[in-house]
Structures are given as C-alpha cells and as structure tokens.
Amino acid sequence: MGLFDRISRVVRANMNDMVSKAEDPEKVLDQAIIDMQEDLVQLRQAVASSIATQKRTEQQYNQAQSQANTWQQRAQLALQKGDENLAREALVRKKSHAETAGTLKAQLDTQVTQVDTLKRNLIALESKISEAKTKKNMLKARAQAAKANEQLQNTIGNLGTSSAMGAFERMEEKVLQMEARSQAAAELGGSDLESQFALLESGSNVDDELAAMKASLSGAPPTQEALPASGQTSAPKNNQAVDAELEELRSQLNDM
C-alpha cells in the first residue's frame, strides 16, 4: 500500500469520525425531510413535464392519423372518378401520414408507460414522506428524552465532585471534628475534677493522721499504762526527737 493511499484512508477515517460526532439526530432528520420534499418537487415537475409531452404526442398522433384517413378517403374518391394518378398521389400522402402516425403511436405508448411509472413513484414518495414525518417526530421525541436522561445521569454523576457536594462533605467533616474536640474537652474536664477530689481526699487523710499524731503527743490515751518513774527523766529528750520528726513531716507536707 502506497503512502498516499494510507494518508487518504487516515484523512477519510478522521473526517468520518468528525462527521459522526457532529451529527445531531434532530437536525439530520429535519434535513432528510427537506431533501425528500425537494425530491418530491422535482418528481412532480418531471411527472408534469412527461404528461405534457404525452399530451403533445397524442395530439400529433391523432392529427397524423386523421390526415392518413383523409388521404385514404381522397384516394378512394379519385379512383371512383377514374383519376388513377390522383388516387396514387393521395395514397402516397396517406402512407406518409400513416408512417408518421405509427412512429408517434410508438412514442406515445412509451410515454404512457413512463408517465405511469413516474406517477407510481410519486405516490410512493409522498407515502414515504408522510411516514417519515411521523417517524421523525417519534425519533425526535426519543432523542430529546435520551438527551435529557444523559444530562440527568451526568448531573448525578458529577454531584460527588461538584463544589456544592464538596462543601457539604467538608462541613460534615468539620462538624465531626468539633464534636470530637467537645467530647475530648468533656473527658479532660471530668478527669481534672476527679484528680481534684482525689487530692482533697488525700489531703484530709494526711490531716487526720497529723491530728492523731498530735493527740498522741499531747497525752497518753486512757488505756495506756503509766510509765515507770525511771522513764520520766528521758521525757524531754523524747519530746525533742518527736518535735524534730514532726517538723520534718511538716516540711514534707509543705513540699507536696
């Protein structure tokens, strides 16, 4: 295959593809009806012209046939009068007109056949145009419905990526984040409250323990046995040790 043949095929393929994509069913159907109506007009003109030609041929045939009959009668009259030469001349004229009539008769028969064929074609074309108009309206309605459905499907398909739906999705995500932060803040607030109560409870335990220690240092409980006399001399030293331990405990509590 030559280079020019390949180029020609590629060009024709691209042109066919462009034409196919550019074809609008509604416009093509309208144009098809217009073309058919133009053909109908031309066919009517052809039928009218053929009928007119047929009429002229028919008139010429009738005239030639009439002339042949006339010369036939004249030949008979001349022969009756005894003028054989005049009768022969009349028969010559009659033969000429008869031949002309025969030729015209053949043309007339052909024209009659042609006119009948054209009339049948005209009727068939009119019927096809009427049917095409009805079918065109149906096809246009179907094409419009198909276009509307395609636009609807495209709209539905583009909803997920459209700005409006994107805004809804972003706002939904933002609300979820706000709810999550609110829940986290509530949990943190509850934990702080629990820790504060736990601190208070631990502080009250320390205070109770300190009060108990003070009570034990201020005097012996009623069930405590009397200390021996020999131990009384060491009480100041014991008190000093206890005070030192108490101070250490206070410093530890202050540091907490």
Foldseek 3Di string as FASTA:
>chain_A
DDPVVVVVVVVVVVVVVVVVVPDDLLVVLVVVLVVLVVVLVVLVVVLVVLVVVLVVLVVLLVVLQVLLVVLCVQLVVCVVVVNNVSSVVSNVSSVVSVVVSVVSVVVNVVSVVVSVVSVVVSVVSVVVSVVSVVVSVVVVVVSVVVVVVVVVVVVVVCCCVDPVVVVVVVVVVVVVVVVVVVVVVVVVVVVVVVVVVVVVVVVVVVVVVLVVVVVVVVDPDPVDDDDDPVCVVCVVVVVVVVVVVNVVVVVVVVVD
